[in-house]
Amino acid sequence: MSCLSWNCRGLGNGTTVKELHDLAKHFAPFVLCVLETQVHRAQVEGLKSTLGYDNAFVVSSSGRSGGLGIFWNNSIKMEIVPYSQYHIDDIITEAGGAQTSERFKTWNMLKHIKSSNALPWVYIGDFNEVLHQSEHEGVQERCFAQIQGFREMVDVCSLYDLGFEGRRWTFEKKGDRRKNLLPSVP
């Protein structure tokens, strides 16, 4: 599943709306989020069908400040849970499960976003990918091209692996015979 989140800094002018249409058409994300819409919810909801989405949930801006919107199609089940003028919390269920062969689309989207402006940026998310084969644990070996594509995106976007603290894995499959999934601590 792909998701695009864009701080559009206002959807009140035609140029920004056109750029949003171009992003939606070029990347065709399953979920499209817009931040800092700076317009009333009706104006953002009105973009739903022209962007090619079946559904929208929008939090109006407060004057010329804030505003959030999220668009998705019926292929995804989305349940909106608590929200405020600062956030939208939702639970997404996608039919068909993870499609690792489609991850290159996300990597290309991130490279495009990075190249489109020189502003500092932060990408926060669970990539569900590894930079090195040694980071993968499982029966099937990770595809080299898949790892290489992810590594290239990390390099092009000047992203850094911050590492982690705590458990190495957040879940364990039923029937897994490994007893110790935690790294050894001296």
N, C-alpha and C. Protein backbone atom coordinates (compact mmCIF):
# COMPACT_ATOMS: atom_id res chain seq x y z
N MET A 1 0.84 -1.17 0.00
CA MET A 1 0.00 0.00 0.00
C MET A 1 0.89 1.24 0.00
N SER A 2 0.55 2.20 -0.80
CA SER A 2 1.33 3.44 -0.84
C SER A 2 0.50 4.58 -0.24
N CYS A 3 1.21 5.49 0.37
CA CYS A 3 0.58 6.65 1.00
C CYS A 3 1.42 7.88 0.69
N LEU A 4 0.77 8.96 0.34
CA LEU A 4 1.45 10.22 0.09
C LEU A 4 0.89 11.26 1.06
N SER A 5 1.77 11.92 1.77
CA SER A 5 1.38 12.99 2.68
C SER A 5 2.11 14.25 2.23
N TRP A 6 1.34 15.34 2.05
CA TRP A 6 1.93 16.56 1.51
C TRP A 6 1.48 17.77 2.30
N ASN A 7 2.44 18.56 2.78
CA ASN A 7 2.15 19.84 3.40
C ASN A 7 2.02 20.83 2.25
N CYS A 8 0.80 21.07 1.84
CA CYS A 8 0.55 21.87 0.63
C CYS A 8 0.62 23.37 0.88
N ARG A 9 0.69 23.78 2.14
CA ARG A 9 0.78 25.20 2.51
C ARG A 9 -0.34 26.02 1.85
N GLY A 10 -1.53 25.42 1.83
CA GLY A 10 -2.71 26.13 1.32
C GLY A 10 -3.22 25.59 0.01
N LEU A 11 -4.51 25.25 -0.03
CA LEU A 11 -5.14 24.79 -1.27
C LEU A 11 -6.06 25.87 -1.83
N GLY A 12 -5.73 27.11 -1.54
CA GLY A 12 -6.57 28.22 -1.97
C GLY A 12 -6.24 28.77 -3.34
N ASN A 13 -5.21 28.24 -3.99
CA ASN A 13 -4.90 28.76 -5.33
C ASN A 13 -4.79 27.62 -6.34
N GLY A 14 -5.06 27.94 -7.58
CA GLY A 14 -5.11 26.96 -8.66
C GLY A 14 -3.80 26.23 -8.90
N THR A 15 -2.67 26.91 -8.72
CA THR A 15 -1.36 26.29 -8.95
C THR A 15 -1.12 25.15 -7.98
N THR A 16 -1.45 25.36 -6.72
CA THR A 16 -1.26 24.32 -5.71
C THR A 16 -2.20 23.15 -5.97
N VAL A 17 -3.45 23.43 -6.32
CA VAL A 17 -4.42 22.37 -6.61
C VAL A 17 -3.96 21.57 -7.82
N LYS A 18 -3.42 22.24 -8.85
CA LYS A 18 -2.90 21.53 -10.02
C LYS A 18 -1.73 20.63 -9.64
N GLU A 19 -0.85 21.13 -8.79
CA GLU A 19 0.29 20.32 -8.34
C GLU A 19 -0.20 19.09 -7.57
N LEU A 20 -1.24 19.27 -6.75
CA LEU A 20 -1.81 18.13 -6.02
C LEU A 20 -2.39 17.11 -7.00
N HIS A 21 -3.11 17.58 -8.02
CA HIS A 21 -3.65 16.68 -9.04
C HIS A 21 -2.51 15.92 -9.74
N ASP A 22 -1.43 16.63 -10.06
CA ASP A 22 -0.29 15.98 -10.72
C ASP A 22 0.34 14.91 -9.84
N LEU A 23 0.51 15.21 -8.56
CA LEU A 23 1.07 14.22 -7.63
C LEU A 23 0.17 13.00 -7.52
N ALA A 24 -1.14 13.24 -7.38
CA ALA A 24 -2.09 12.13 -7.26
C ALA A 24 -2.10 11.26 -8.51
N LYS A 25 -2.03 11.91 -9.67
CA LYS A 25 -2.04 11.16 -10.93
C LYS A 25 -0.73 10.40 -11.14
N HIS A 26 0.38 11.07 -10.89
CA HIS A 26 1.70 10.46 -11.14
C HIS A 26 1.98 9.29 -10.20
N PHE A 27 1.67 9.44 -8.91
CA PHE A 27 2.01 8.40 -7.93
C PHE A 27 0.85 7.48 -7.59
N ALA A 28 -0.37 7.91 -7.83
CA ALA A 28 -1.57 7.12 -7.55
C ALA A 28 -1.50 6.41 -6.20
N PRO A 29 -1.28 7.16 -5.11
CA PRO A 29 -1.20 6.51 -3.80
C PRO A 29 -2.57 5.98 -3.38
N PHE A 30 -2.57 4.90 -2.61
CA PHE A 30 -3.82 4.36 -2.08
C PHE A 30 -4.45 5.35 -1.12
N VAL A 31 -3.60 6.05 -0.37
CA VAL A 31 -4.07 7.04 0.60
C VAL A 31 -3.32 8.34 0.33
N LEU A 32 -4.05 9.44 0.25
CA LEU A 32 -3.45 10.76 0.03
C LEU A 32 -3.84 11.66 1.19
N CYS A 33 -2.84 12.22 1.86
CA CYS A 33 -3.07 13.12 2.99
C CYS A 33 -2.57 14.51 2.62
N VAL A 34 -3.35 15.51 2.96
CA VAL A 34 -2.91 16.90 2.75
C VAL A 34 -2.94 17.62 4.09
N LEU A 35 -1.90 18.40 4.33
CA LEU A 35 -1.74 19.12 5.59
C LEU A 35 -1.67 20.61 5.30
N GLU A 36 -2.09 21.40 6.27
CA GLU A 36 -2.07 22.86 6.12
C GLU A 36 -2.87 23.31 4.89
N THR A 37 -4.10 22.82 4.79
CA THR A 37 -4.94 23.16 3.63
C THR A 37 -5.33 24.64 3.64
N GLN A 38 -5.48 25.22 4.81
CA GLN A 38 -5.79 26.63 5.00
C GLN A 38 -7.10 27.07 4.36
N VAL A 39 -8.00 26.11 4.14
CA VAL A 39 -9.31 26.42 3.57
C VAL A 39 -10.39 25.60 4.29
N HIS A 40 -11.66 25.96 4.07
CA HIS A 40 -12.77 25.25 4.69
C HIS A 40 -12.86 23.83 4.15
N ARG A 41 -13.37 22.93 4.97
CA ARG A 41 -13.44 21.51 4.62
C ARG A 41 -14.19 21.25 3.32
N ALA A 42 -15.24 22.02 3.02
CA ALA A 42 -16.02 21.80 1.80
C ALA A 42 -15.15 21.93 0.55
N GLN A 43 -14.22 22.88 0.59
CA GLN A 43 -13.34 23.09 -0.56
C GLN A 43 -12.41 21.89 -0.76
N VAL A 44 -11.91 21.31 0.33
CA VAL A 44 -11.03 20.15 0.25
C VAL A 44 -11.83 18.92 -0.17
N GLU A 45 -13.02 18.72 0.44
CA GLU A 45 -13.87 17.58 0.08
C GLU A 45 -14.25 17.62 -1.39
N GLY A 46 -14.39 18.83 -1.94
CA GLY A 46 -14.74 18.98 -3.36
C GLY A 46 -13.68 18.44 -4.31
N LEU A 47 -12.46 18.24 -3.82
CA LEU A 47 -11.38 17.72 -4.65
C LEU A 47 -11.41 16.19 -4.78
N LYS A 48 -12.18 15.55 -3.94
CA LYS A 48 -12.20 14.08 -3.86
C LYS A 48 -12.30 13.41 -5.23
N SER A 49 -13.35 13.69 -5.97
CA SER A 49 -13.55 13.00 -7.24
C SER A 49 -12.57 13.45 -8.33
N THR A 50 -12.19 14.73 -8.30
CA THR A 50 -11.24 15.18 -9.33
C THR A 50 -9.85 14.61 -9.10
N LEU A 51 -9.55 14.23 -7.84
CA LEU A 51 -8.28 13.58 -7.54
C LEU A 51 -8.35 12.07 -7.81
N GLY A 52 -9.57 11.57 -8.03
CA GLY A 52 -9.74 10.15 -8.32
C GLY A 52 -9.98 9.28 -7.11
N TYR A 53 -10.57 9.84 -6.05
CA TYR A 53 -10.82 9.07 -4.84
C TYR A 53 -12.31 8.95 -4.57
N ASP A 54 -12.67 7.86 -3.89
CA ASP A 54 -14.07 7.61 -3.54
C ASP A 54 -14.46 8.28 -2.22
N ASN A 55 -13.49 8.45 -1.32
CA ASN A 55 -13.79 8.91 0.03
C ASN A 55 -12.84 10.02 0.46
N ALA A 56 -13.33 10.84 1.38
CA ALA A 56 -12.51 11.89 1.96
C ALA A 56 -12.97 12.15 3.40
N PHE A 57 -12.02 12.50 4.23
CA PHE A 57 -12.32 12.97 5.58
C PHE A 57 -11.48 14.22 5.77
N VAL A 58 -12.12 15.31 6.18
CA VAL A 58 -11.43 16.59 6.24
C VAL A 58 -11.72 17.29 7.57
N VAL A 59 -10.69 17.90 8.11
CA VAL A 59 -10.81 18.77 9.27
C VAL A 59 -10.55 20.19 8.76
N SER A 60 -11.53 21.07 8.94
CA SER A 60 -11.41 22.44 8.44
C SER A 60 -10.23 23.17 9.08
N SER A 61 -9.73 24.13 8.34
CA SER A 61 -8.68 24.98 8.90
C SER A 61 -9.33 25.94 9.90
N SER A 62 -8.49 26.55 10.70
CA SER A 62 -8.94 27.57 11.63
C SER A 62 -8.48 28.90 11.02
N GLY A 63 -9.37 29.51 10.26
CA GLY A 63 -8.97 30.71 9.50
C GLY A 63 -7.99 30.33 8.41
N ARG A 64 -6.85 30.99 8.36
CA ARG A 64 -5.82 30.70 7.35
C ARG A 64 -4.72 29.83 7.95
N SER A 65 -5.08 29.00 8.93
CA SER A 65 -4.09 28.17 9.60
C SER A 65 -4.62 26.75 9.74
N GLY A 66 -3.76 25.78 9.51
CA GLY A 66 -4.12 24.38 9.70
C GLY A 66 -4.98 23.83 8.60
N GLY A 67 -5.72 22.81 8.92
CA GLY A 67 -6.56 22.10 7.96
C GLY A 67 -5.91 20.79 7.54
N LEU A 68 -6.68 19.70 7.62
CA LEU A 68 -6.17 18.38 7.28
C LEU A 68 -7.17 17.67 6.37
N GLY A 69 -6.66 16.84 5.49
CA GLY A 69 -7.54 16.05 4.65
C GLY A 69 -6.91 14.71 4.32
N ILE A 70 -7.75 13.70 4.20
CA ILE A 70 -7.27 12.38 3.83
C ILE A 70 -8.25 11.81 2.80
N PHE A 71 -7.70 11.25 1.72
CA PHE A 71 -8.49 10.68 0.63
C PHE A 71 -8.12 9.22 0.46
N TRP A 72 -9.10 8.38 0.12
CA TRP A 72 -8.83 6.97 -0.13
C TRP A 72 -9.95 6.39 -0.99
N ASN A 73 -9.66 5.24 -1.60
CA ASN A 73 -10.64 4.56 -2.44
C ASN A 73 -11.29 3.41 -1.69
N ASN A 74 -12.33 2.85 -2.30
CA ASN A 74 -13.07 1.76 -1.66
C ASN A 74 -12.29 0.47 -1.55
N SER A 75 -11.13 0.37 -2.20
CA SER A 75 -10.31 -0.84 -2.08
C SER A 75 -9.67 -0.94 -0.71
N ILE A 76 -9.76 0.14 0.06
CA ILE A 76 -9.21 0.19 1.40
C ILE A 76 -10.35 0.45 2.37
N LYS A 77 -10.36 -0.28 3.45
CA LYS A 77 -11.33 0.00 4.50
C LYS A 77 -10.63 0.92 5.51
N MET A 78 -11.19 2.10 5.70
CA MET A 78 -10.61 3.05 6.63
C MET A 78 -11.65 3.44 7.68
N GLU A 79 -11.25 3.32 8.93
CA GLU A 79 -12.11 3.73 10.03
C GLU A 79 -11.45 4.92 10.72
N ILE A 80 -12.15 6.04 10.71
CA ILE A 80 -11.64 7.24 11.38
C ILE A 80 -11.95 7.11 12.87
N VAL A 81 -10.92 7.20 13.67
CA VAL A 81 -11.08 7.17 15.13
C VAL A 81 -10.79 8.58 15.63
N PRO A 82 -10.53 8.82 16.87
CA PRO A 82 -10.42 10.21 17.32
C PRO A 82 -9.59 11.11 16.40
N TYR A 83 -10.05 12.34 16.26
CA TYR A 83 -9.34 13.34 15.47
C TYR A 83 -9.50 14.70 16.13
N SER A 84 -8.66 15.62 15.72
CA SER A 84 -8.74 16.99 16.21
C SER A 84 -8.28 17.90 15.08
N GLN A 85 -8.14 19.17 15.37
CA GLN A 85 -7.65 20.08 14.34
C GLN A 85 -6.17 19.83 14.03
N TYR A 86 -5.51 19.00 14.86
CA TYR A 86 -4.08 18.74 14.69
C TYR A 86 -3.76 17.35 14.18
N HIS A 87 -4.73 16.45 14.18
CA HIS A 87 -4.43 15.08 13.74
C HIS A 87 -5.69 14.36 13.27
N ILE A 88 -5.46 13.33 12.47
CA ILE A 88 -6.52 12.39 12.10
C ILE A 88 -5.95 11.01 12.39
N ASP A 89 -6.61 10.29 13.28
CA ASP A 89 -6.19 8.94 13.63
C ASP A 89 -7.14 7.99 12.91
N ASP A 90 -6.58 7.02 12.22
CA ASP A 90 -7.42 6.08 11.49
C ASP A 90 -6.83 4.68 11.51
N ILE A 91 -7.70 3.73 11.23
CA ILE A 91 -7.29 2.34 11.11
C ILE A 91 -7.56 1.94 9.68
N ILE A 92 -6.52 1.46 9.00
CA ILE A 92 -6.63 1.10 7.58
C ILE A 92 -6.48 -0.40 7.42
N THR A 93 -7.37 -0.98 6.65
CA THR A 93 -7.27 -2.38 6.28
C THR A 93 -7.29 -2.44 4.76
N GLU A 94 -6.26 -3.04 4.19
CA GLU A 94 -6.15 -3.14 2.73
C GLU A 94 -6.41 -4.57 2.31
N ALA A 95 -7.21 -4.73 1.30
CA ALA A 95 -7.41 -6.07 0.75
C ALA A 95 -6.15 -6.51 0.03
N GLY A 96 -5.77 -7.76 0.20
CA GLY A 96 -4.64 -8.29 -0.56
C GLY A 96 -3.32 -8.30 0.17
N GLY A 97 -3.15 -7.59 1.26
CA GLY A 97 -1.90 -7.64 2.02
C GLY A 97 -0.77 -6.89 1.35
N ALA A 98 0.42 -7.07 1.90
CA ALA A 98 1.60 -6.33 1.43
C ALA A 98 2.01 -6.75 0.03
N GLN A 99 2.38 -5.80 -0.78
CA GLN A 99 2.83 -6.06 -2.13
C GLN A 99 4.25 -5.51 -2.26
N THR A 100 5.22 -6.35 -1.90
CA THR A 100 6.60 -5.88 -1.89
C THR A 100 7.07 -5.48 -3.28
N SER A 101 6.50 -6.07 -4.32
CA SER A 101 6.92 -5.72 -5.68
C SER A 101 6.52 -4.30 -6.06
N GLU A 102 5.64 -3.67 -5.29
CA GLU A 102 5.18 -2.31 -5.59
C GLU A 102 5.92 -1.25 -4.79
N ARG A 103 6.86 -1.66 -3.93
CA ARG A 103 7.54 -0.69 -3.07
C ARG A 103 8.36 0.32 -3.85
N PHE A 104 8.82 -0.07 -5.03
CA PHE A 104 9.62 0.87 -5.84
C PHE A 104 8.84 2.14 -6.13
N LYS A 105 7.51 2.06 -6.17
CA LYS A 105 6.70 3.25 -6.42
C LYS A 105 6.85 4.24 -5.26
N THR A 106 6.88 3.72 -4.04
CA THR A 106 7.09 4.58 -2.89
C THR A 106 8.49 5.18 -2.92
N TRP A 107 9.49 4.35 -3.25
CA TRP A 107 10.87 4.87 -3.31
C TRP A 107 10.96 5.97 -4.37
N ASN A 108 10.34 5.78 -5.53
CA ASN A 108 10.37 6.80 -6.59
C ASN A 108 9.65 8.07 -6.15
N MET A 109 8.53 7.90 -5.45
CA MET A 109 7.79 9.07 -4.96
C MET A 109 8.65 9.88 -3.98
N LEU A 110 9.32 9.20 -3.06
CA LEU A 110 10.16 9.91 -2.09
C LEU A 110 11.32 10.62 -2.78
N LYS A 111 11.92 9.99 -3.78
CA LYS A 111 13.01 10.65 -4.52
C LYS A 111 12.49 11.88 -5.25
N HIS A 112 11.28 11.79 -5.79
CA HIS A 112 10.68 12.93 -6.49
C HIS A 112 10.42 14.08 -5.51
N ILE A 113 9.86 13.76 -4.35
CA ILE A 113 9.57 14.80 -3.35
C ILE A 113 10.87 15.48 -2.94
N LYS A 114 11.92 14.70 -2.69
CA LYS A 114 13.20 15.26 -2.27
C LYS A 114 13.77 16.20 -3.34
N SER A 115 13.65 15.79 -4.61
CA SER A 115 14.24 16.60 -5.69
C SER A 115 13.40 17.83 -6.04
N SER A 116 12.14 17.88 -5.57
CA SER A 116 11.27 18.98 -5.97
C SER A 116 11.46 20.26 -5.16
N ASN A 117 12.15 20.17 -4.02
CA ASN A 117 12.46 21.39 -3.29
C ASN A 117 13.64 21.15 -2.36
N ALA A 118 14.23 22.24 -1.91
CA ALA A 118 15.44 22.16 -1.08
C ALA A 118 15.15 22.35 0.40
N LEU A 119 13.87 22.38 0.78
CA LEU A 119 13.53 22.56 2.18
C LEU A 119 13.95 21.35 3.00
N PRO A 120 14.30 21.55 4.25
CA PRO A 120 14.58 20.40 5.12
C PRO A 120 13.31 19.56 5.27
N TRP A 121 13.46 18.25 5.41
CA TRP A 121 12.30 17.40 5.56
C TRP A 121 12.62 16.19 6.42
N VAL A 122 11.57 15.63 6.96
CA VAL A 122 11.68 14.43 7.77
C VAL A 122 10.65 13.44 7.24
N TYR A 123 11.06 12.21 7.05
CA TYR A 123 10.12 11.16 6.69
C TYR A 123 10.09 10.19 7.86
N ILE A 124 8.91 10.00 8.41
CA ILE A 124 8.76 9.10 9.54
C ILE A 124 7.78 8.01 9.13
N GLY A 125 8.20 6.79 9.27
CA GLY A 125 7.30 5.70 8.92
C GLY A 125 7.98 4.36 9.04
N ASP A 126 7.20 3.34 8.87
CA ASP A 126 7.70 1.97 8.88
C ASP A 126 7.86 1.54 7.44
N PHE A 127 9.09 1.50 6.96
CA PHE A 127 9.35 1.16 5.57
C PHE A 127 9.13 -0.32 5.29
N ASN A 128 9.15 -1.17 6.33
CA ASN A 128 9.07 -2.62 6.14
C ASN A 128 10.10 -3.10 5.14
N GLU A 129 11.30 -2.57 5.25
CA GLU A 129 12.39 -2.93 4.35
C GLU A 129 13.69 -2.89 5.12
N VAL A 130 14.71 -3.53 4.57
CA VAL A 130 16.02 -3.57 5.21
C VAL A 130 17.07 -2.97 4.28
N LEU A 131 18.14 -2.47 4.88
CA LEU A 131 19.25 -1.92 4.09
C LEU A 131 20.29 -2.99 3.77
N HIS A 132 20.31 -4.06 4.57
CA HIS A 132 21.31 -5.12 4.39
C HIS A 132 20.65 -6.46 4.65
N GLN A 133 21.08 -7.48 3.92
CA GLN A 133 20.53 -8.82 4.06
C GLN A 133 20.63 -9.31 5.51
N SER A 134 21.68 -8.91 6.22
CA SER A 134 21.87 -9.36 7.60
C SER A 134 20.78 -8.85 8.54
N GLU A 135 20.04 -7.82 8.13
CA GLU A 135 18.96 -7.30 8.97
C GLU A 135 17.67 -8.12 8.83
N HIS A 136 17.63 -8.97 7.82
CA HIS A 136 16.44 -9.78 7.56
C HIS A 136 16.57 -11.14 8.22
N GLU A 137 15.51 -11.56 8.87
CA GLU A 137 15.50 -12.87 9.49
C GLU A 137 14.25 -13.59 9.03
N GLY A 138 14.40 -14.75 8.45
CA GLY A 138 13.25 -15.50 7.99
C GLY A 138 13.67 -16.62 7.07
N VAL A 139 12.69 -17.39 6.62
CA VAL A 139 12.96 -18.55 5.77
C VAL A 139 13.44 -18.10 4.40
N GLN A 140 12.73 -17.17 3.79
CA GLN A 140 13.10 -16.70 2.46
C GLN A 140 14.08 -15.54 2.55
N GLU A 141 15.10 -15.60 1.70
CA GLU A 141 16.07 -14.51 1.66
C GLU A 141 15.44 -13.30 0.97
N ARG A 142 15.76 -12.13 1.42
CA ARG A 142 15.26 -10.89 0.84
C ARG A 142 15.86 -10.71 -0.55
N CYS A 143 15.07 -10.27 -1.52
CA CYS A 143 15.52 -10.05 -2.89
C CYS A 143 16.56 -8.93 -2.91
N PHE A 144 17.71 -9.19 -3.55
CA PHE A 144 18.79 -8.20 -3.62
C PHE A 144 18.32 -6.92 -4.30
N ALA A 145 17.58 -7.03 -5.40
CA ALA A 145 17.11 -5.84 -6.12
C ALA A 145 16.18 -4.99 -5.24
N GLN A 146 15.39 -5.64 -4.42
CA GLN A 146 14.49 -4.94 -3.51
C GLN A 146 15.29 -4.14 -2.48
N ILE A 147 16.30 -4.77 -1.90
CA ILE A 147 17.16 -4.10 -0.93
C ILE A 147 17.91 -2.97 -1.60
N GLN A 148 18.43 -3.22 -2.79
CA GLN A 148 19.20 -2.21 -3.52
C GLN A 148 18.34 -0.99 -3.86
N GLY A 149 17.08 -1.21 -4.26
CA GLY A 149 16.17 -0.10 -4.56
C GLY A 149 15.92 0.76 -3.34
N PHE A 150 15.73 0.12 -2.20
CA PHE A 150 15.52 0.85 -0.95
C PHE A 150 16.78 1.62 -0.56
N ARG A 151 17.93 0.96 -0.68
CA ARG A 151 19.21 1.60 -0.32
C ARG A 151 19.46 2.83 -1.21
N GLU A 152 19.13 2.73 -2.50
CA GLU A 152 19.31 3.85 -3.42
C GLU A 152 18.42 5.03 -3.00
N MET A 153 17.16 4.75 -2.64
CA MET A 153 16.27 5.82 -2.20
C MET A 153 16.81 6.50 -0.95
N VAL A 154 17.31 5.72 0.00
CA VAL A 154 17.88 6.27 1.23
C VAL A 154 19.05 7.20 0.89
N ASP A 155 19.91 6.77 -0.04
CA ASP A 155 21.05 7.59 -0.45
C ASP A 155 20.62 8.86 -1.17
N VAL A 156 19.74 8.73 -2.16
CA VAL A 156 19.29 9.89 -2.94
C VAL A 156 18.59 10.91 -2.05
N CYS A 157 17.81 10.44 -1.10
CA CYS A 157 17.05 11.34 -0.22
C CYS A 157 17.86 11.81 0.98
N SER A 158 19.11 11.37 1.08
CA SER A 158 19.98 11.73 2.21
C SER A 158 19.35 11.38 3.55
N LEU A 159 18.71 10.22 3.61
CA LEU A 159 18.12 9.75 4.86
C LEU A 159 19.16 8.99 5.67
N TYR A 160 18.96 8.94 6.96
CA TYR A 160 19.89 8.25 7.86
C TYR A 160 19.13 7.24 8.70
N ASP A 161 19.72 6.08 8.86
CA ASP A 161 19.16 5.06 9.72
C ASP A 161 19.53 5.42 11.15
N LEU A 162 18.54 5.77 11.96
CA LEU A 162 18.79 6.18 13.33
C LEU A 162 18.94 5.00 14.27
N GLY A 163 18.74 3.80 13.77
CA GLY A 163 18.85 2.62 14.62
C GLY A 163 17.61 2.48 15.49
N PHE A 164 17.75 1.70 16.56
CA PHE A 164 16.62 1.48 17.44
C PHE A 164 17.12 1.08 18.81
N GLU A 165 16.22 1.13 19.77
CA GLU A 165 16.48 0.63 21.11
C GLU A 165 15.34 -0.30 21.46
N GLY A 166 15.63 -1.33 22.22
CA GLY A 166 14.57 -2.24 22.66
C GLY A 166 14.56 -3.52 21.86
N ARG A 167 13.38 -4.12 21.78
CA ARG A 167 13.23 -5.40 21.09
C ARG A 167 13.59 -5.29 19.61
N ARG A 168 14.25 -6.31 19.10
CA ARG A 168 14.61 -6.33 17.69
C ARG A 168 13.38 -6.51 16.81
N TRP A 169 12.43 -7.32 17.25
CA TRP A 169 11.21 -7.57 16.49
C TRP A 169 10.01 -7.23 17.36
N THR A 170 8.95 -6.74 16.75
CA THR A 170 7.77 -6.35 17.53
C THR A 170 6.74 -7.46 17.61
N PHE A 171 6.95 -8.55 16.87
CA PHE A 171 6.01 -9.65 16.94
C PHE A 171 6.75 -10.95 16.67
N GLU A 172 6.09 -12.04 17.02
CA GLU A 172 6.64 -13.36 16.77
C GLU A 172 5.52 -14.20 16.19
N LYS A 173 5.78 -14.88 15.07
CA LYS A 173 4.76 -15.71 14.44
C LYS A 173 4.47 -16.91 15.31
N LYS A 174 3.21 -17.35 15.27
CA LYS A 174 2.82 -18.55 16.01
C LYS A 174 3.64 -19.72 15.52
N GLY A 175 4.08 -20.55 16.44
CA GLY A 175 4.83 -21.73 16.07
C GLY A 175 6.30 -21.47 15.85
N ASP A 176 6.73 -20.22 15.98
CA ASP A 176 8.15 -19.90 15.81
C ASP A 176 8.92 -20.49 16.97
N ARG A 177 9.94 -21.28 16.67
CA ARG A 177 10.66 -22.00 17.71
C ARG A 177 11.77 -21.17 18.34
N ARG A 178 12.07 -20.01 17.78
CA ARG A 178 13.12 -19.18 18.36
C ARG A 178 12.63 -18.64 19.70
N LYS A 179 13.42 -18.84 20.71
CA LYS A 179 13.03 -18.39 22.05
C LYS A 179 13.50 -16.98 22.33
N ASN A 180 14.68 -16.61 21.82
CA ASN A 180 15.24 -15.32 22.17
C ASN A 180 15.31 -14.43 20.93
N LEU A 181 14.38 -13.50 20.85
CA LEU A 181 14.40 -12.55 19.73
C LEU A 181 15.04 -11.23 20.13
N LEU A 182 15.49 -11.15 21.37
CA LEU A 182 16.12 -9.92 21.83
C LEU A 182 17.62 -10.01 21.60
N PRO A 183 18.25 -8.89 21.22
CA PRO A 183 19.72 -8.91 21.11
C PRO A 183 20.32 -9.14 22.48
N SER A 184 21.46 -9.81 22.51
CA SER A 184 22.10 -10.06 23.80
C SER A 184 22.60 -8.75 24.40
N VAL A 185 22.43 -8.62 25.69
CA VAL A 185 22.84 -7.41 26.40
C VAL A 185 24.03 -7.78 27.29
N PRO A 186 25.16 -7.04 27.19
CA PRO A 186 26.33 -7.38 28.01
C PRO A 186 26.07 -7.16 29.48
